[in-house]
Amino acid sequence: MTPIPTELRARIEFLIGEPDHLCERPVPVFDPARMAFLADLSNRLMQDVRHLDLPDLVTFAYWCRKANLARLASAAQDGRLRVGLGLVFHICPANVPVNTAFSLAFGLLSGNSGVLRLPSRSTPTLEVLLKALAATLERPEHEAIRSSVVLLRYAHDDEITAWWLSRADGRVIWGGDATVAHMRSFPTPARSREVAFADRYSFCALGAAGVNALSEAELKGLCARLCNDLY
């Protein structure tokens, strides 16, 4: 990894990982060592959130448990060897903090090293996630993962963002149309790829006759699912 210029480093808060030791070499998709790391992170989070009202982290921890990751890996097998791109830079969303965790997991499972720029405003979800990540990375069996993950914060600073994007093999952009357009204004390597989550809209149509025909239990179930979907 090219050393970060001193004047830029001074404006960055590094939360997890050592940027000077960041490995940009891609690895196979669904690498067993990374799956084991995420499974351990799941266990750690389940312990940390046991007494906390953080349903978003519970959902993430349940998703990245060992059995589910094994199911995802099995479903992706098609006889071909797949590897990541290398270094991926993530612009994480402020409005859905848990998506930082999902973005990190997707990047690791797809064989990439990740630099994640977290929102400037912290939240209970992010604080618990950072604590669990740090504790899990400290385990000796996950030493190889330490060079694949960097989480950082910095104020809106185009010079810093441009430096990272000029070296990234891929970028993941959360934040809507305006953020996506702004990030695309920075030069990137010719083969760099992008996954962007731009502005999206949803709608729901309910058939009155169908709703009226539901039992009380079925209606409560429908309301619960609709509430979760909107949330």
Protein backbone atom coordinates (compact mmCIF):
# COMPACT_ATOMS: atom_id res chain seq x y z
CA MET A 1 0.00 0.00 0.00
CA THR A 2 1.32 3.44 -0.94
CA PRO A 3 1.91 5.45 2.28
CA ILE A 4 -0.68 8.12 2.94
CA PRO A 5 0.78 11.63 2.61
CA THR A 6 1.48 13.11 6.02
CA GLU A 7 -0.73 16.15 5.44
CA LEU A 8 -3.70 13.89 4.63
CA ARG A 9 -3.06 11.41 7.43
CA ALA A 10 -3.26 14.23 9.98
CA ARG A 11 -6.87 14.89 8.93
CA ILE A 12 -8.02 11.27 9.22
CA GLU A 13 -9.18 9.43 12.34
CA PHE A 14 -8.28 5.75 12.06
CA LEU A 15 -10.70 3.62 14.08
CA ILE A 16 -9.84 0.05 13.04
CA GLY A 17 -6.83 -1.25 11.13
CA GLU A 18 -3.40 -0.03 10.06
CA PRO A 19 -3.45 1.66 6.64
CA ASP A 20 0.30 1.24 6.13
CA HIS A 21 -0.09 -2.53 6.42
CA LEU A 22 -3.18 -2.78 4.23
CA CYS A 23 -2.92 -5.67 1.78
CA GLU A 24 -4.41 -4.99 -1.64
CA ARG A 25 -4.07 -8.55 -2.91
CA PRO A 26 -7.46 -10.16 -3.78
CA VAL A 27 -8.42 -13.56 -2.37
CA PRO A 28 -10.99 -16.17 -3.45
CA VAL A 29 -14.66 -15.40 -2.91
CA PHE A 30 -16.06 -16.95 0.29
CA ASP A 31 -12.55 -17.49 1.65
CA PRO A 32 -12.85 -19.87 4.67
CA ALA A 33 -10.70 -17.65 6.90
CA ARG A 34 -12.96 -14.67 6.25
CA MET A 35 -16.10 -16.70 6.81
CA ALA A 36 -14.67 -17.86 10.14
CA PHE A 37 -13.90 -14.26 11.08
CA LEU A 38 -17.43 -13.09 10.31
CA ALA A 39 -18.91 -16.04 12.21
CA ASP A 40 -16.83 -15.08 15.26
CA LEU A 41 -17.93 -11.47 14.84
CA SER A 42 -21.52 -12.69 14.83
CA ASN A 43 -20.97 -14.51 18.13
CA ARG A 44 -19.29 -11.47 19.66
CA LEU A 45 -22.11 -9.16 18.60
CA MET A 46 -24.73 -11.51 20.01
CA GLN A 47 -22.96 -11.25 23.37
CA ASP A 48 -22.59 -7.47 23.17
CA VAL A 49 -26.17 -6.67 22.17
CA ARG A 50 -27.85 -9.11 24.55
CA HIS A 51 -28.86 -6.32 26.91
CA LEU A 52 -29.08 -3.51 24.35
CA ASP A 53 -31.98 -2.34 22.20
CA LEU A 54 -30.18 -2.64 18.86
CA PRO A 55 -32.35 -4.81 16.60
CA ASP A 56 -30.37 -3.74 13.52
CA LEU A 57 -27.18 -5.31 14.88
CA VAL A 58 -29.06 -8.41 15.97
CA THR A 59 -30.28 -8.79 12.39
CA PHE A 60 -26.73 -8.44 11.04
CA ALA A 61 -25.29 -10.87 13.60
CA TYR A 62 -27.96 -13.43 12.72
CA TRP A 63 -27.26 -12.97 9.00
CA CYS A 64 -23.49 -13.56 9.31
CA ARG A 65 -23.71 -16.58 11.60
CA LYS A 66 -21.69 -19.61 10.53
CA ALA A 67 -24.63 -21.65 9.20
CA ASN A 68 -25.96 -18.85 7.00
CA LEU A 69 -22.54 -18.04 5.53
CA ALA A 70 -22.05 -21.71 4.71
CA ARG A 71 -25.43 -21.73 2.96
CA LEU A 72 -24.53 -18.63 0.92
CA ALA A 73 -21.16 -20.11 -0.05
CA SER A 74 -22.75 -23.37 -1.12
CA ALA A 75 -25.36 -21.60 -3.24
CA ALA A 76 -22.61 -19.60 -5.00
CA GLN A 77 -20.59 -22.67 -6.03
CA ASP A 78 -20.60 -23.17 -9.80
CA GLY A 79 -17.26 -24.89 -10.37
CA ARG A 80 -15.41 -21.69 -11.27
CA LEU A 81 -12.71 -19.95 -9.26
CA ARG A 82 -13.78 -16.43 -8.34
CA VAL A 83 -11.51 -13.83 -6.73
CA GLY A 84 -11.98 -10.26 -5.59
CA LEU A 85 -10.84 -7.04 -7.22
CA GLY A 86 -8.33 -5.96 -4.56
CA LEU A 87 -8.85 -2.74 -2.61
CA VAL A 88 -12.42 -1.40 -2.32
CA PHE A 89 -13.28 2.00 -0.84
CA HIS A 90 -16.69 2.26 0.86
CA ILE A 91 -18.63 5.47 1.51
CA CYS A 92 -20.92 4.30 4.34
CA PRO A 93 -24.38 5.77 4.94
CA ALA A 94 -25.29 7.95 7.92
CA ASN A 95 -29.02 7.20 7.86
CA VAL A 96 -28.70 3.39 8.20
CA PRO A 97 -25.66 2.76 10.46
CA VAL A 98 -25.85 -1.05 10.29
CA ASN A 99 -25.17 -0.92 6.55
CA THR A 100 -21.55 -0.25 7.49
CA ALA A 101 -21.45 -3.79 8.86
CA PHE A 102 -23.10 -5.28 5.79
CA SER A 103 -20.80 -3.32 3.45
CA LEU A 104 -17.77 -4.63 5.32
CA ALA A 105 -19.05 -8.21 5.22
CA PHE A 106 -19.92 -8.09 1.50
CA GLY A 107 -16.47 -6.72 0.72
CA LEU A 108 -14.68 -9.45 2.67
CA LEU A 109 -16.82 -12.29 1.33
CA SER A 110 -16.26 -11.11 -2.25
CA GLY A 111 -12.50 -11.39 -1.77
CA ASN A 112 -11.56 -7.75 -1.29
CA SER A 113 -9.73 -5.61 1.22
CA GLY A 114 -11.87 -2.75 2.47
CA VAL A 115 -11.36 0.84 3.52
CA LEU A 116 -14.63 2.11 4.97
CA ARG A 117 -15.29 5.77 5.57
CA LEU A 118 -17.77 5.94 8.46
CA PRO A 119 -20.23 8.80 8.98
CA SER A 120 -18.86 11.65 11.08
CA ARG A 121 -21.68 11.24 13.61
CA SER A 122 -21.37 8.16 15.77
CA THR A 123 -24.33 6.05 16.89
CA PRO A 124 -24.81 3.23 19.43
CA THR A 125 -24.89 0.77 16.54
CA LEU A 126 -21.51 1.91 15.22
CA GLU A 127 -19.94 2.07 18.68
CA VAL A 128 -20.93 -1.52 19.49
CA LEU A 129 -19.85 -2.66 16.01
CA LEU A 130 -16.41 -1.05 16.37
CA LYS A 131 -15.91 -2.60 19.79
CA ALA A 132 -16.86 -6.06 18.52
CA LEU A 133 -14.67 -5.71 15.42
CA ALA A 134 -11.64 -4.69 17.45
CA ALA A 135 -12.09 -7.58 19.89
CA THR A 136 -12.58 -10.14 17.11
CA LEU A 137 -9.58 -8.93 15.12
CA GLU A 138 -7.41 -9.30 18.22
CA ARG A 139 -7.88 -13.07 18.21
CA PRO A 140 -4.68 -14.77 16.95
CA GLU A 141 -6.55 -16.92 14.41
CA HIS A 142 -7.72 -13.76 12.61
CA GLU A 143 -4.32 -12.14 12.20
CA ALA A 144 -4.54 -12.44 8.40
CA ILE A 145 -7.77 -10.43 8.37
CA ARG A 146 -6.20 -7.43 10.10
CA SER A 147 -4.44 -6.35 6.92
CA SER A 148 -7.73 -6.45 4.99
CA VAL A 149 -9.82 -4.00 7.02
CA VAL A 150 -9.50 -0.28 7.74
CA LEU A 151 -12.31 1.81 9.20
CA LEU A 152 -11.81 5.55 9.38
CA ARG A 153 -13.51 8.92 9.72
CA TYR A 154 -12.75 12.32 8.33
CA ALA A 155 -14.70 15.51 7.70
CA HIS A 156 -15.94 16.13 4.15
CA ASP A 157 -12.60 16.45 2.41
CA ASP A 158 -12.38 15.95 -1.35
CA GLU A 159 -8.60 15.75 -1.27
CA ILE A 160 -8.65 12.71 1.04
CA THR A 161 -11.48 11.04 -0.86
CA ALA A 162 -9.72 11.61 -4.18
CA TRP A 163 -6.51 10.05 -2.82
CA TRP A 164 -8.29 6.85 -1.76
CA LEU A 165 -10.37 6.57 -4.93
CA SER A 166 -7.30 7.02 -7.13
CA ARG A 167 -5.92 3.80 -5.62
CA ALA A 168 -9.09 1.73 -5.26
CA ASP A 169 -9.92 -1.21 -7.50
CA GLY A 170 -13.57 -0.70 -6.63
CA ARG A 171 -15.88 1.60 -4.73
CA VAL A 172 -19.15 1.14 -2.89
CA ILE A 173 -21.19 4.33 -2.58
CA TRP A 174 -24.12 4.73 -0.23
CA GLY A 175 -25.82 8.09 -0.05
CA GLY A 176 -28.17 8.95 -2.89
CA ASP A 177 -27.89 10.51 -6.33
CA ALA A 178 -25.98 13.61 -5.24
CA THR A 179 -23.32 11.61 -3.38
CA VAL A 180 -22.94 9.15 -6.25
CA ALA A 181 -22.52 11.97 -8.77
CA HIS A 182 -19.94 13.69 -6.59
CA MET A 183 -17.88 10.53 -6.08
CA ARG A 184 -17.91 9.84 -9.81
CA SER A 185 -16.23 13.20 -10.40
CA PHE A 186 -12.97 11.86 -8.95
CA PRO A 187 -10.47 9.99 -11.17
CA THR A 188 -10.24 6.24 -10.60
CA PRO A 189 -8.09 3.47 -12.11
CA ALA A 190 -9.24 2.41 -15.56
CA ARG A 191 -10.40 -1.02 -14.39
CA SER A 192 -12.03 0.21 -11.19
CA ARG A 193 -15.61 -0.97 -10.65
CA GLU A 194 -18.50 0.54 -8.75
CA VAL A 195 -21.55 -0.49 -6.77
CA ALA A 196 -23.75 2.53 -6.03
CA PHE A 197 -26.90 2.82 -3.93
CA ALA A 198 -28.59 5.87 -5.39
CA ASP A 199 -31.98 7.37 -4.51
CA ARG A 200 -34.72 4.75 -4.43
CA TYR A 201 -38.46 4.81 -4.05
CA SER A 202 -40.92 2.18 -2.90
CA PHE A 203 -44.66 1.73 -3.17
CA CYS A 204 -47.13 -0.76 -1.81
CA ALA A 205 -50.53 -1.78 -3.16
CA LEU A 206 -53.02 -3.57 -0.91
CA GLY A 207 -56.15 -5.31 -2.11
CA ALA A 208 -59.01 -4.23 0.16
CA ALA A 209 -60.92 -7.48 -0.29
CA GLY A 210 -57.85 -9.51 0.58
CA VAL A 211 -57.13 -7.45 3.69
CA ASN A 212 -60.73 -7.68 4.87
CA ALA A 213 -60.63 -11.46 4.50
CA LEU A 214 -57.66 -11.84 6.87
CA SER A 215 -58.08 -13.23 10.35
CA GLU A 216 -56.97 -11.09 13.28
CA ALA A 217 -53.72 -13.04 13.57
CA GLU A 218 -53.04 -12.75 9.83
CA LEU A 219 -53.75 -9.02 9.91
CA LYS A 220 -51.33 -8.51 12.79
CA GLY A 221 -48.71 -10.49 10.88
CA LEU A 222 -49.25 -8.35 7.77
CA CYS A 223 -48.93 -5.16 9.82
CA ALA A 224 -45.74 -6.41 11.46
CA ARG A 225 -44.16 -7.25 8.10
CA LEU A 226 -45.21 -3.90 6.63
CA CYS A 227 -43.76 -2.08 9.64
CA ASN A 228 -40.45 -3.94 9.30
CA ASP A 229 -40.32 -3.22 5.58
CA LEU A 230 -40.88 0.50 6.11
CA TYR A 231 -38.37 0.60 8.97
